Amino acid sequence: MSTLTDRYVGAAMRSVPEKQRADLAAELRASIEDQLDARMAGGEPHDAAERAVLTDLGDPDRLAADYTDRPLHLIGPRYFLAWWRLTKLLWAIVPVCAAFGVALGQTLSGASFGEIVGSVASVTISVIVNVGFWTTLVFFIVERSAGGADVGFVSRWTPDQLPEPHDSGARLTDLIASLVLLGVAAGAVLWDHFVGTAYLAGRGWTSFLAPELWPWLIGGLLVLCACEAILAIRVYAYGRWTARSASVNLLLNALIVVPGVWLLMQGKLVNPTFFASVIPESGDTVAVIVGIVFGFTMVGVAGWDSVDAFLKAGRAGRTSTRRRAAVSAQ
């Protein structure tokens, strides 16, 4: 279990340059331990003394700014950290959602590839600018309206606000979930080919995927699924994601998604008779809509899986650095 001190040092080192991180983490940890020992020598219990020391040190991001001589003066020191955290959160969510919605809408309306790219780019830039502007304006108005006084808009920092340790992605439950999902996906592909997905009265079962994909393309997909399973086992055995394993994961996702999207655009991924047989009245329209949504889903899932792996690799690397700093400090 991570102690409050571990969590505090980890939070403080997030915004410190990589080259300075190990030395500053060791220095900060030593300072905390010295203050903790002094309080405990005076009769304070360990837990109470630890909370008191960390509370006196204050917000870890502000302490990191002091360590690195980094000024916090965009809006004003009182509201800077709250503004920056909210802005980063909105920038991570809103532009992606807007770009996805615009791309999906433009594709469904039959726009060309160039028109889709242009619309997505313009909307994304506009959203980023607007999020930054309106968020800054709100904090500006609050700060100027308060006249420099504390109106309670930003609460006093306490150790309870320290972030929980992030998931390394290498737990046994993560391995089991990955293997189960890959097994279900491979089983669904095999079931679709050998049995079928939809049953038509008097005509038997029909497959969702194009029969021409068998055996080479379907076989290649199953091989890539097996590689994904091996990678999941490798990550679990190593105990964490690394930049190398995340890069391999990105490559495997690309090998699955790029051919899949190309086949979908060429009309060779989905069985051309599937929707015409299941929904004779509007099969063509439904086929176009389902194909577009299916393609966006493939790209979205693969993109998120790839980004998530690199994020976990980065967090695992920072955790390893902090542990080495703690060992060297001892």
C-alpha atoms as a PDB file:
ATOM      1  CA  MET A   1       0.000   0.000   0.000  1.00  0.00           C
ATOM      2  CA  SER A   2       1.279   3.497  -0.875  1.00  0.00           C
ATOM      3  CA  THR A   3       1.760   5.806   2.111  1.00  0.00           C
ATOM      4  CA  LEU A   4       0.682   9.442   2.138  1.00  0.00           C
ATOM      5  CA  THR A   5       4.324  10.393   1.737  1.00  0.00           C
ATOM      6  CA  ASP A   6       4.685   8.162  -1.362  1.00  0.00           C
ATOM      7  CA  ARG A   7       1.560   9.670  -2.881  1.00  0.00           C
ATOM      8  CA  TYR A   8       2.688  13.206  -2.055  1.00  0.00           C
ATOM      9  CA  VAL A   9       6.137  12.724  -3.599  1.00  0.00           C
ATOM     10  CA  GLY A  10       4.578  11.114  -6.674  1.00  0.00           C
ATOM     11  CA  ALA A  11       2.124  13.995  -7.091  1.00  0.00           C
ATOM     12  CA  ALA A  12       4.882  16.595  -6.663  1.00  0.00           C
ATOM     13  CA  MET A  13       7.157  14.973  -9.234  1.00  0.00           C
ATOM     14  CA  ARG A  14       4.536  14.805 -12.011  1.00  0.00           C
ATOM     15  CA  SER A  15       5.404  18.256 -13.367  1.00  0.00           C
ATOM     16  CA  VAL A  16       9.157  18.105 -12.681  1.00  0.00           C
ATOM     17  CA  PRO A  17      11.462  17.558 -15.700  1.00  0.00           C
ATOM     18  CA  GLU A  18      12.646  13.963 -16.028  1.00  0.00           C
ATOM     19  CA  LYS A  19      16.326  14.836 -15.487  1.00  0.00           C
ATOM     20  CA  GLN A  20      15.615  16.495 -12.129  1.00  0.00           C
ATOM     21  CA  ARG A  21      12.957  14.080 -10.919  1.00  0.00           C
ATOM     22  CA  ALA A  22      15.076  11.494  -9.104  1.00  0.00           C
ATOM     23  CA  ASP A  23      17.231  14.043  -7.227  1.00  0.00           C
ATOM     24  CA  LEU A  24      14.298  16.257  -6.225  1.00  0.00           C
ATOM     25  CA  ALA A  25      12.217  13.247  -5.165  1.00  0.00           C
ATOM     26  CA  ALA A  26      15.034  12.060  -2.889  1.00  0.00           C
ATOM     27  CA  GLU A  27      15.498  15.594  -1.490  1.00  0.00           C
ATOM     28  CA  LEU A  28      11.780  16.024  -0.832  1.00  0.00           C
ATOM     29  CA  ARG A  29      11.444  12.612   0.790  1.00  0.00           C
ATOM     30  CA  ALA A  30      14.422  13.320   3.060  1.00  0.00           C
ATOM     31  CA  SER A  31      12.913  16.675   4.075  1.00  0.00           C
ATOM     32  CA  ILE A  32       9.582  15.035   4.913  1.00  0.00           C
ATOM     33  CA  GLU A  33      11.277  12.323   6.957  1.00  0.00           C
ATOM     34  CA  ASP A  34      13.307  14.899   8.927  1.00  0.00           C
ATOM     35  CA  GLN A  35      10.185  16.876   9.814  1.00  0.00           C
ATOM     36  CA  LEU A  36       8.320  13.674  10.600  1.00  0.00           C
ATOM     37  CA  ASP A  37      11.058  12.480  12.956  1.00  0.00           C
ATOM     38  CA  ALA A  38      11.069  15.835  14.738  1.00  0.00           C
ATOM     39  CA  ARG A  39       7.314  15.710  15.329  1.00  0.00           C
ATOM     40  CA  MET A  40       7.394  12.075  16.457  1.00  0.00           C
ATOM     41  CA  ALA A  41      10.226  12.911  18.857  1.00  0.00           C
ATOM     42  CA  GLY A  42       7.854  15.437  20.403  1.00  0.00           C
ATOM     43  CA  GLY A  43       5.295  12.695  21.067  1.00  0.00           C
ATOM     44  CA  GLU A  44       3.020  12.907  18.022  1.00  0.00           C
ATOM     45  CA  PRO A  45       1.708   9.618  16.557  1.00  0.00           C
ATOM     46  CA  HIS A  46       3.162   8.703  13.150  1.00  0.00           C
ATOM     47  CA  ASP A  47      -0.056   9.109  11.130  1.00  0.00           C
ATOM     48  CA  ALA A  48      -0.968  12.447  12.674  1.00  0.00           C
ATOM     49  CA  ALA A  49       2.588  13.724  12.285  1.00  0.00           C
ATOM     50  CA  GLU A  50       2.710  12.650   8.627  1.00  0.00           C
ATOM     51  CA  ARG A  51      -0.553  14.424   7.800  1.00  0.00           C
ATOM     52  CA  ALA A  52       0.613  17.562   9.636  1.00  0.00           C
ATOM     53  CA  VAL A  53       3.928  17.653   7.754  1.00  0.00           C
ATOM     54  CA  LEU A  54       2.270  17.217   4.364  1.00  0.00           C
ATOM     55  CA  THR A  55      -0.411  19.774   5.167  1.00  0.00           C
ATOM     56  CA  ASP A  56       2.280  22.306   6.090  1.00  0.00           C
ATOM     57  CA  LEU A  57       4.100  21.624   2.806  1.00  0.00           C
ATOM     58  CA  GLY A  58       0.896  22.413   0.898  1.00  0.00           C
ATOM     59  CA  ASP A  59      -0.214  21.604  -2.626  1.00  0.00           C
ATOM     60  CA  PRO A  60       2.427  19.316  -4.230  1.00  0.00           C
ATOM     61  CA  ASP A  61       2.111  21.039  -7.612  1.00  0.00           C
ATOM     62  CA  ARG A  62       2.844  24.409  -6.010  1.00  0.00           C
ATOM     63  CA  LEU A  63       5.804  22.908  -4.157  1.00  0.00           C
ATOM     64  CA  ALA A  64       7.130  21.457  -7.437  1.00  0.00           C
ATOM     65  CA  ALA A  65       6.845  24.904  -9.034  1.00  0.00           C
ATOM     66  CA  ASP A  66       8.923  26.340  -6.182  1.00  0.00           C
ATOM     67  CA  TYR A  67      11.531  23.588  -6.556  1.00  0.00           C
ATOM     68  CA  THR A  68      11.980  24.289 -10.275  1.00  0.00           C
ATOM     69  CA  ASP A  69      11.590  28.099 -10.088  1.00  0.00           C
ATOM     70  CA  ARG A  70       8.539  27.862 -12.349  1.00  0.00           C
ATOM     71  CA  PRO A  71       6.180  30.861 -11.919  1.00  0.00           C
ATOM     72  CA  LEU A  72       2.426  30.329 -11.605  1.00  0.00           C
ATOM     73  CA  HIS A  73       1.214  33.685 -12.892  1.00  0.00           C
ATOM     74  CA  LEU A  74      -1.168  33.381 -15.827  1.00  0.00           C
ATOM     75  CA  ILE A  75      -4.396  34.358 -14.135  1.00  0.00           C
ATOM     76  CA  GLY A  76      -3.044  34.724 -10.640  1.00  0.00           C
ATOM     77  CA  PRO A  77      -1.352  32.474  -8.102  1.00  0.00           C
ATOM     78  CA  ARG A  78      -4.589  31.904  -6.148  1.00  0.00           C
ATOM     79  CA  TYR A  79      -6.514  30.321  -9.038  1.00  0.00           C
ATOM     80  CA  PHE A  80      -3.764  29.191 -11.401  1.00  0.00           C
ATOM     81  CA  LEU A  81      -3.673  25.490 -10.460  1.00  0.00           C
ATOM     82  CA  ALA A  82      -7.458  25.104 -10.415  1.00  0.00           C
ATOM     83  CA  TRP A  83      -7.695  26.802 -13.835  1.00  0.00           C
ATOM     84  CA  TRP A  84      -4.903  24.702 -15.342  1.00  0.00           C
ATOM     85  CA  ARG A  85      -6.290  21.373 -14.061  1.00  0.00           C
ATOM     86  CA  LEU A  86      -9.790  22.115 -15.361  1.00  0.00           C
ATOM     87  CA  THR A  87      -8.488  23.334 -18.728  1.00  0.00           C
ATOM     88  CA  LYS A  88      -6.344  20.218 -19.224  1.00  0.00           C
ATOM     89  CA  LEU A  89      -9.305  17.981 -18.351  1.00  0.00           C
ATOM     90  CA  LEU A  90     -11.614  19.767 -20.811  1.00  0.00           C
ATOM     91  CA  TRP A  91      -8.966  19.716 -23.561  1.00  0.00           C
ATOM     92  CA  ALA A  92      -8.582  15.957 -23.093  1.00  0.00           C
ATOM     93  CA  ILE A  93     -12.323  15.278 -23.473  1.00  0.00           C
ATOM     94  CA  VAL A  94     -14.224  17.934 -25.441  1.00  0.00           C
ATOM     95  CA  PRO A  95     -12.144  18.196 -28.680  1.00  0.00           C
ATOM     96  CA  VAL A  96     -12.017  14.411 -29.092  1.00  0.00           C
ATOM     97  CA  CYS A  97     -15.788  14.086 -28.672  1.00  0.00           C
ATOM     98  CA  ALA A  98     -16.422  16.974 -31.051  1.00  0.00           C
ATOM     99  CA  ALA A  99     -14.048  15.577 -33.697  1.00  0.00           C
ATOM    100  CA  PHE A 100     -15.625  12.127 -33.459  1.00  0.00           C
ATOM    101  CA  GLY A 101     -19.158  13.521 -33.782  1.00  0.00           C
ATOM    102  CA  VAL A 102     -18.288  15.713 -36.771  1.00  0.00           C
ATOM    103  CA  ALA A 103     -16.424  12.910 -38.543  1.00  0.00           C
ATOM    104  CA  LEU A 104     -19.295  10.479 -38.018  1.00  0.00           C
ATOM    105  CA  GLY A 105     -21.903  12.996 -39.173  1.00  0.00           C
ATOM    106  CA  GLN A 106     -19.916  13.990 -42.266  1.00  0.00           C
ATOM    107  CA  THR A 107     -19.325  10.356 -43.190  1.00  0.00           C
ATOM    108  CA  LEU A 108     -23.008   9.478 -42.829  1.00  0.00           C
ATOM    109  CA  SER A 109     -23.912  12.460 -45.030  1.00  0.00           C
ATOM    110  CA  GLY A 110     -21.625  11.151 -47.792  1.00  0.00           C
ATOM    111  CA  ALA A 111     -18.907  13.806 -47.623  1.00  0.00           C
ATOM    112  CA  SER A 112     -15.589  13.164 -49.329  1.00  0.00           C
ATOM    113  CA  PHE A 113     -12.435  12.293 -47.375  1.00  0.00           C
ATOM    114  CA  GLY A 114     -10.993  15.775 -47.878  1.00  0.00           C
ATOM    115  CA  GLU A 115     -14.187  17.414 -46.649  1.00  0.00           C
ATOM    116  CA  ILE A 116     -14.212  15.189 -43.558  1.00  0.00           C
ATOM    117  CA  VAL A 117     -10.580  15.996 -42.716  1.00  0.00           C
ATOM    118  CA  GLY A 118     -11.152  19.711 -43.244  1.00  0.00           C
ATOM    119  CA  SER A 119     -14.285  19.754 -41.082  1.00  0.00           C
ATOM    120  CA  VAL A 120     -12.657  17.735 -38.289  1.00  0.00           C
ATOM    121  CA  ALA A 121      -9.547  19.926 -38.279  1.00  0.00           C
ATOM    122  CA  SER A 122     -11.475  23.211 -38.224  1.00  0.00           C
ATOM    123  CA  VAL A 123     -13.905  22.047 -35.541  1.00  0.00           C
ATOM    124  CA  THR A 124     -11.108  20.621 -33.366  1.00  0.00           C
ATOM    125  CA  ILE A 125      -9.091  23.844 -33.511  1.00  0.00           C
ATOM    126  CA  SER A 126     -12.193  25.906 -32.825  1.00  0.00           C
ATOM    127  CA  VAL A 127     -13.154  23.775 -29.820  1.00  0.00           C
ATOM    128  CA  ILE A 128      -9.636  23.915 -28.359  1.00  0.00           C
ATOM    129  CA  VAL A 129      -9.560  27.711 -28.670  1.00  0.00           C
ATOM    130  CA  ASN A 130     -13.060  28.148 -27.248  1.00  0.00           C
ATOM    131  CA  VAL A 131     -12.456  25.822 -24.308  1.00  0.00           C
ATOM    132  CA  GLY A 132      -9.278  27.702 -23.419  1.00  0.00           C
ATOM    133  CA  PHE A 133     -10.901  31.119 -23.858  1.00  0.00           C
ATOM    134  CA  TRP A 134     -14.136  30.537 -21.944  1.00  0.00           C
ATOM    135  CA  THR A 135     -12.463  28.640 -19.099  1.00  0.00           C
ATOM    136  CA  THR A 136      -9.913  31.421 -18.699  1.00  0.00           C
ATOM    137  CA  LEU A 137     -12.632  34.069 -18.881  1.00  0.00           C
ATOM    138  CA  VAL A 138     -14.628  32.408 -16.081  1.00  0.00           C
ATOM    139  CA  PHE A 139     -11.590  32.289 -13.791  1.00  0.00           C
ATOM    140  CA  PHE A 140     -10.673  35.864 -14.757  1.00  0.00           C
ATOM    141  CA  ILE A 141     -14.131  37.130 -13.796  1.00  0.00           C
ATOM    142  CA  VAL A 142     -14.096  35.197 -10.515  1.00  0.00           C
ATOM    143  CA  GLU A 143     -10.653  36.508  -9.565  1.00  0.00           C
ATOM    144  CA  ARG A 144     -11.387  40.119 -10.500  1.00  0.00           C
ATOM    145  CA  SER A 145     -14.836  40.067  -8.859  1.00  0.00           C
ATOM    146  CA  ALA A 146     -13.336  38.820  -5.597  1.00  0.00           C
ATOM    147  CA  GLY A 147     -10.875  41.721  -5.522  1.00  0.00           C
ATOM    148  CA  GLY A 148      -8.080  39.474  -4.335  1.00  0.00           C
ATOM    149  CA  ALA A 149     -10.116  38.090  -1.426  1.00  0.00           C
ATOM    150  CA  ASP A 150     -10.635  34.396  -0.801  1.00  0.00           C
ATOM    151  CA  VAL A 151     -14.267  33.640  -1.707  1.00  0.00           C
ATOM    152  CA  GLY A 152     -13.970  29.876  -1.237  1.00  0.00           C
ATOM    153  CA  PHE A 153     -13.841  29.164  -4.970  1.00  0.00           C
ATOM    154  CA  VAL A 154     -10.658  27.133  -4.415  1.00  0.00           C
ATOM    155  CA  SER A 155     -10.601  25.014  -1.280  1.00  0.00           C
ATOM    156  CA  ARG A 156      -7.574  24.758   0.996  1.00  0.00           C
ATOM    157  CA  TRP A 157      -5.398  21.829  -0.004  1.00  0.00           C
ATOM    158  CA  THR A 158      -5.311  18.755   2.294  1.00  0.00           C
ATOM    159  CA  PRO A 159      -3.639  15.338   1.928  1.00  0.00           C
ATOM    160  CA  ASP A 160      -7.079  13.851   1.177  1.00  0.00           C
ATOM    161  CA  GLN A 161      -6.796  15.391  -2.302  1.00  0.00           C
ATOM    162  CA  LEU A 162      -3.715  13.351  -3.202  1.00  0.00           C
ATOM    163  CA  PRO A 163      -4.354  11.181  -6.283  1.00  0.00           C
ATOM    164  CA  GLU A 164      -4.681   7.452  -5.831  1.00  0.00           C
ATOM    165  CA  PRO A 165      -1.954   5.309  -7.422  1.00  0.00           C
ATOM    166  CA  HIS A 166      -2.804   4.551 -11.064  1.00  0.00           C
ATOM    167  CA  ASP A 167      -3.462   1.042 -12.282  1.00  0.00           C
ATOM    168  CA  SER A 168      -0.362  -0.493 -13.857  1.00  0.00           C
ATOM    169  CA  GLY A 169      -2.470  -2.584 -16.231  1.00  0.00           C
ATOM    170  CA  ALA A 170      -0.539  -5.708 -15.244  1.00  0.00           C
ATOM    171  CA  ARG A 171      -2.897  -7.231 -12.681  1.00  0.00           C
ATOM    172  CA  LEU A 172      -4.214 -10.774 -12.945  1.00  0.00           C
ATOM    173  CA  THR A 173      -7.729  -9.426 -13.565  1.00  0.00           C
ATOM    174  CA  ASP A 174      -6.409  -7.376 -16.531  1.00  0.00           C
ATOM    175  CA  LEU A 175      -4.788 -10.520 -17.978  1.00  0.00           C
ATOM    176  CA  ILE A 176      -7.960 -12.582 -17.556  1.00  0.00           C
ATOM    177  CA  ALA A 177     -10.133  -9.848 -19.070  1.00  0.00           C
ATOM    178  CA  SER A 178      -7.809  -9.501 -22.090  1.00  0.00           C
ATOM    179  CA  LEU A 179      -7.684 -13.248 -22.709  1.00  0.00           C
ATOM    180  CA  VAL A 180     -11.459 -13.615 -22.340  1.00  0.00           C
ATOM    181  CA  LEU A 181     -12.162 -10.736 -24.758  1.00  0.00           C
ATOM    182  CA  LEU A 182      -9.690 -12.090 -27.310  1.00  0.00           C
ATOM    183  CA  GLY A 183     -11.162 -15.574 -26.945  1.00  0.00           C
ATOM    184  CA  VAL A 184     -14.689 -14.264 -27.418  1.00  0.00           C
ATOM    185  CA  ALA A 185     -13.638 -12.246 -30.479  1.00  0.00           C
ATOM    186  CA  ALA A 186     -11.864 -15.225 -32.070  1.00  0.00           C
ATOM    187  CA  GLY A 187     -14.796 -17.500 -31.219  1.00  0.00           C
ATOM    188  CA  ALA A 188     -17.277 -15.045 -32.737  1.00  0.00           C
ATOM    189  CA  VAL A 189     -15.290 -14.894 -35.993  1.00  0.00           C
ATOM    190  CA  LEU A 190     -15.113 -18.699 -36.221  1.00  0.00           C
ATOM    191  CA  TRP A 191     -18.802 -19.063 -35.321  1.00  0.00           C
ATOM    192  CA  ASP A 192     -19.746 -16.507 -37.971  1.00  0.00           C
ATOM    193  CA  HIS A 193     -17.818 -18.420 -40.642  1.00  0.00           C
ATOM    194  CA  PHE A 194     -18.689 -22.010 -39.798  1.00  0.00           C
ATOM    195  CA  VAL A 195     -22.230 -21.499 -38.460  1.00  0.00           C
ATOM    196  CA  GLY A 196     -23.454 -18.009 -39.302  1.00  0.00           C
ATOM    197  CA  THR A 197     -24.802 -14.943 -37.540  1.00  0.00           C
ATOM    198  CA  ALA A 198     -28.411 -14.669 -38.773  1.00  0.00           C
ATOM    199  CA  TYR A 199     -30.883 -17.444 -39.501  1.00  0.00           C
ATOM    200  CA  LEU A 200     -33.227 -16.960 -42.429  1.00  0.00           C
ATOM    201  CA  ALA A 201     -36.322 -19.142 -42.674  1.00  0.00           C
ATOM    202  CA  GLY A 202     -35.965 -21.596 -45.514  1.00  0.00           C
ATOM    203  CA  ARG A 203     -32.452 -20.401 -46.359  1.00  0.00           C
ATOM    204  CA  GLY A 204     -30.431 -21.373 -43.300  1.00  0.00           C
ATOM    205  CA  TRP A 205     -27.673 -19.404 -41.600  1.00  0.00           C
ATOM    206  CA  THR A 206     -25.807 -16.526 -43.245  1.00  0.00           C
ATOM    207  CA  SER A 207     -22.512 -14.970 -42.156  1.00  0.00           C
ATOM    208  CA  PHE A 208     -21.894 -11.321 -41.288  1.00  0.00           C
ATOM    209  CA  LEU A 209     -18.315 -11.230 -42.586  1.00  0.00           C
ATOM    210  CA  ALA A 210     -17.620 -11.789 -46.269  1.00  0.00           C
ATOM    211  CA  PRO A 211     -16.924 -15.500 -46.999  1.00  0.00           C
ATOM    212  CA  GLU A 212     -14.010 -14.471 -49.274  1.00  0.00           C
ATOM    213  CA  LEU A 213     -12.009 -13.448 -46.195  1.00  0.00           C
ATOM    214  CA  TRP A 214     -11.459 -17.133 -45.415  1.00  0.00           C
ATOM    215  CA  PRO A 215      -8.902 -18.611 -44.994  1.00  0.00           C
ATOM    216  CA  TRP A 216      -6.026 -16.135 -45.336  1.00  0.00           C
ATOM    217  CA  LEU A 217      -7.418 -12.898 -43.954  1.00  0.00           C
ATOM    218  CA  ILE A 218      -9.414 -14.582 -41.194  1.00  0.00           C
ATOM    219  CA  GLY A 219      -6.398 -16.763 -40.423  1.00  0.00           C
ATOM    220  CA  GLY A 220      -4.196 -13.670 -40.218  1.00  0.00           C
ATOM    221  CA  LEU A 221      -6.701 -12.051 -37.839  1.00  0.00           C
ATOM    222  CA  LEU A 222      -6.620 -15.107 -35.579  1.00  0.00           C
ATOM    223  CA  VAL A 223      -2.807 -15.043 -35.581  1.00  0.00           C
ATOM    224  CA  LEU A 224      -2.862 -11.375 -34.539  1.00  0.00           C
ATOM    225  CA  CYS A 225      -5.329 -12.224 -31.757  1.00  0.00           C
ATOM    226  CA  ALA A 226      -2.898 -14.899 -30.570  1.00  0.00           C
ATOM    227  CA  CYS A 227      -0.091 -12.308 -30.617  1.00  0.00           C
ATOM    228  CA  GLU A 228      -2.260  -9.950 -28.545  1.00  0.00           C
ATOM    229  CA  ALA A 229      -2.783 -12.781 -26.031  1.00  0.00           C
ATOM    230  CA  ILE A 230       0.968 -13.437 -25.847  1.00  0.00           C
ATOM    231  CA  LEU A 231       1.593  -9.727 -25.313  1.00  0.00           C
ATOM    232  CA  ALA A 232      -0.949  -9.628 -22.462  1.00  0.00           C
ATOM    233  CA  ILE A 233       0.778 -12.596 -20.805  1.00  0.00           C
ATOM    234  CA  ARG A 234       4.177 -10.922 -21.315  1.00  0.00           C
ATOM    235  CA  VAL A 235       2.998  -7.676 -19.698  1.00  0.00           C
ATOM    236  CA  TYR A 236       1.572  -9.592 -16.714  1.00  0.00           C
ATOM    237  CA  ALA A 237       4.769 -11.624 -16.302  1.00  0.00           C
ATOM    238  CA  TYR A 238       6.949  -8.486 -16.444  1.00  0.00           C
ATOM    239  CA  GLY A 239       4.686  -6.684 -13.992  1.00  0.00           C
ATOM    240  CA  ARG A 240       4.071  -3.495 -15.969  1.00  0.00           C
ATOM    241  CA  TRP A 241       3.750  -1.910 -19.393  1.00  0.00           C
ATOM    242  CA  THR A 242       6.916  -0.571 -21.018  1.00  0.00           C
ATOM    243  CA  ALA A 243       7.490   1.668 -24.027  1.00  0.00           C
ATOM    244  CA  ARG A 244       8.477  -1.416 -26.024  1.00  0.00           C
ATOM    245  CA  SER A 245       5.356  -3.438 -25.150  1.00  0.00           C
ATOM    246  CA  ALA A 246       3.155  -0.396 -25.808  1.00  0.00           C
ATOM    247  CA  SER A 247       4.801   0.017 -29.232  1.00  0.00           C
ATOM    248  CA  VAL A 248       4.177  -3.647 -30.027  1.00  0.00           C
ATOM    249  CA  ASN A 249       0.554  -3.186 -28.954  1.00  0.00           C
ATOM    250  CA  LEU A 250       0.263  -0.181 -31.297  1.00  0.00           C
ATOM    251  CA  LEU A 251       1.695  -2.213 -34.176  1.00  0.00           C
ATOM    252  CA  LEU A 252      -0.726  -5.102 -33.588  1.00  0.00           C
ATOM    253  CA  ASN A 253      -3.683  -2.702 -33.440  1.00  0.00           C
ATOM    254  CA  ALA A 254      -2.553  -1.083 -36.704  1.00  0.00           C
ATOM    255  CA  LEU A 255      -2.197  -4.485 -38.396  1.00  0.00           C
ATOM    256  CA  ILE A 256      -5.793  -5.256 -37.440  1.00  0.00           C
ATOM    257  CA  VAL A 257      -7.467  -1.891 -38.030  1.00  0.00           C
ATOM    258  CA  VAL A 258      -5.772  -0.611 -41.195  1.00  0.00           C
ATOM    259  CA  PRO A 259      -6.628  -3.675 -43.358  1.00  0.00           C
ATOM    260  CA  GLY A 260     -10.067  -3.852 -41.706  1.00  0.00           C
ATOM    261  CA  VAL A 261     -10.930  -0.254 -42.578  1.00  0.00           C
ATOM    262  CA  TRP A 262      -9.563  -0.653 -46.111  1.00  0.00           C
ATOM    263  CA  LEU A 263     -11.686  -3.787 -46.673  1.00  0.00           C
ATOM    264  CA  LEU A 264     -14.691  -1.976 -45.220  1.00  0.00           C
ATOM    265  CA  MET A 265     -14.232   0.967 -47.594  1.00  0.00           C
ATOM    266  CA  GLN A 266     -13.890  -1.436 -50.530  1.00  0.00           C
ATOM    267  CA  GLY A 267     -17.067  -3.273 -49.508  1.00  0.00           C
ATOM    268  CA  LYS A 268     -15.131  -6.502 -48.945  1.00  0.00           C
ATOM    269  CA  LEU A 269     -15.366  -6.867 -45.165  1.00  0.00           C
ATOM    270  CA  VAL A 270     -19.087  -7.392 -44.610  1.00  0.00           C
ATOM    271  CA  ASN A 271     -21.023 -10.053 -46.492  1.00  0.00           C
ATOM    272  CA  PRO A 272     -22.792  -8.053 -49.257  1.00  0.00           C
ATOM    273  CA  THR A 273     -25.879 -10.291 -49.044  1.00  0.00           C
ATOM    274  CA  PHE A 274     -26.231 -10.136 -45.251  1.00  0.00           C
ATOM    275  CA  PHE A 275     -28.348  -6.974 -44.844  1.00  0.00           C
ATOM    276  CA  ALA A 276     -30.167  -7.509 -48.114  1.00  0.00           C
ATOM    277  CA  SER A 277     -31.278 -10.897 -46.792  1.00  0.00           C
ATOM    278  CA  VAL A 278     -32.056  -9.820 -43.224  1.00  0.00           C
ATOM    279  CA  ILE A 279     -33.716  -6.456 -44.088  1.00  0.00           C
ATOM    280  CA  PRO A 280     -34.799  -6.641 -47.734  1.00  0.00           C
ATOM    281  CA  GLU A 281     -36.651  -3.289 -47.682  1.00  0.00           C
ATOM    282  CA  SER A 282     -33.756  -1.081 -46.516  1.00  0.00           C
ATOM    283  CA  GLY A 283     -30.751  -3.373 -46.550  1.00  0.00           C
ATOM    284  CA  ASP A 284     -28.487  -1.047 -48.533  1.00  0.00           C
ATOM    285  CA  THR A 285     -29.088   1.934 -46.247  1.00  0.00           C
ATOM    286  CA  VAL A 286     -28.596  -0.107 -43.098  1.00  0.00           C
ATOM    287  CA  ALA A 287     -25.426  -1.653 -44.559  1.00  0.00           C
ATOM    288  CA  VAL A 288     -23.908   1.799 -45.137  1.00  0.00           C
ATOM    289  CA  ILE A 289     -24.779   3.048 -41.648  1.00  0.00           C
ATOM    290  CA  VAL A 290     -23.604  -0.123 -39.882  1.00  0.00           C
ATOM    291  CA  GLY A 291     -20.403  -0.158 -41.939  1.00  0.00           C
ATOM    292  CA  ILE A 292     -19.566   3.437 -41.005  1.00  0.00           C
ATOM    293  CA  VAL A 293     -20.318   2.896 -37.307  1.00  0.00           C
ATOM    294  CA  PHE A 294     -18.362  -0.378 -37.366  1.00  0.00           C
ATOM    295  CA  GLY A 295     -15.360   1.370 -38.896  1.00  0.00           C
ATOM    296  CA  PHE A 296     -15.433   4.227 -36.408  1.00  0.00           C
ATOM    297  CA  THR A 297     -15.751   1.725 -33.563  1.00  0.00           C
ATOM    298  CA  MET A 298     -12.701  -0.238 -34.750  1.00  0.00           C
ATOM    299  CA  VAL A 299     -10.579   2.896 -35.026  1.00  0.00           C
ATOM    300  CA  GLY A 300     -11.816   4.283 -31.707  1.00  0.00           C
ATOM    301  CA  VAL A 301     -11.239   1.089 -29.726  1.00  0.00           C
ATOM    302  CA  ALA A 302      -7.799   0.510 -31.242  1.00  0.00           C
ATOM    303  CA  GLY A 303      -6.811   4.146 -30.726  1.00  0.00           C
ATOM    304  CA  TRP A 304      -7.877   4.177 -27.093  1.00  0.00           C
ATOM    305  CA  ASP A 305      -6.184   0.817 -26.403  1.00  0.00           C
ATOM    306  CA  SER A 306      -2.930   2.110 -27.908  1.00  0.00           C
ATOM    307  CA  VAL A 307      -3.000   5.434 -26.040  1.00  0.00           C
ATOM    308  CA  ASP A 308      -3.920   3.695 -22.778  1.00  0.00           C
ATOM    309  CA  ALA A 309      -0.939   1.346 -23.099  1.00  0.00           C
ATOM    310  CA  PHE A 310       1.477   4.253 -23.568  1.00  0.00           C
ATOM    311  CA  LEU A 311      -0.061   6.114 -20.611  1.00  0.00           C
ATOM    312  CA  LYS A 312       0.365   3.054 -18.395  1.00  0.00           C
ATOM    313  CA  ALA A 313       3.939   2.635 -19.610  1.00  0.00           C
ATOM    314  CA  GLY A 314       4.689   6.261 -18.740  1.00  0.00           C
ATOM    315  CA  ARG A 315       3.148   5.964 -15.269  1.00  0.00           C
ATOM    316  CA  ALA A 316       5.012   2.707 -14.626  1.00  0.00           C
ATOM    317  CA  GLY A 317       8.288   4.369 -15.654  1.00  0.00           C
ATOM    318  CA  ARG A 318       7.715   7.285 -13.284  1.00  0.00           C
ATOM    319  CA  THR A 319       6.839   4.899 -10.444  1.00  0.00           C
ATOM    320  CA  SER A 320      10.049   2.961 -11.058  1.00  0.00           C
ATOM    321  CA  THR A 321      12.043   6.213 -10.934  1.00  0.00           C
ATOM    322  CA  ARG A 322      10.469   7.201  -7.617  1.00  0.00           C
ATOM    323  CA  ARG A 323      11.236   3.792  -6.130  1.00  0.00           C
ATOM    324  CA  ARG A 324      14.874   4.046  -7.158  1.00  0.00           C
ATOM    325  CA  ALA A 325      15.026   7.507  -5.616  1.00  0.00           C
ATOM    326  CA  ALA A 326      13.517   6.190  -2.374  1.00  0.00           C
ATOM    327  CA  VAL A 327      16.035   3.339  -2.234  1.00  0.00           C
ATOM    328  CA  SER A 328      18.954   5.707  -2.866  1.00  0.00           C
ATOM    329  CA  ALA A 329      17.662   8.059  -0.142  1.00  0.00           C
ATOM    330  CA  GLN A 330      17.696   5.209   2.356  1.00  0.00           C
END
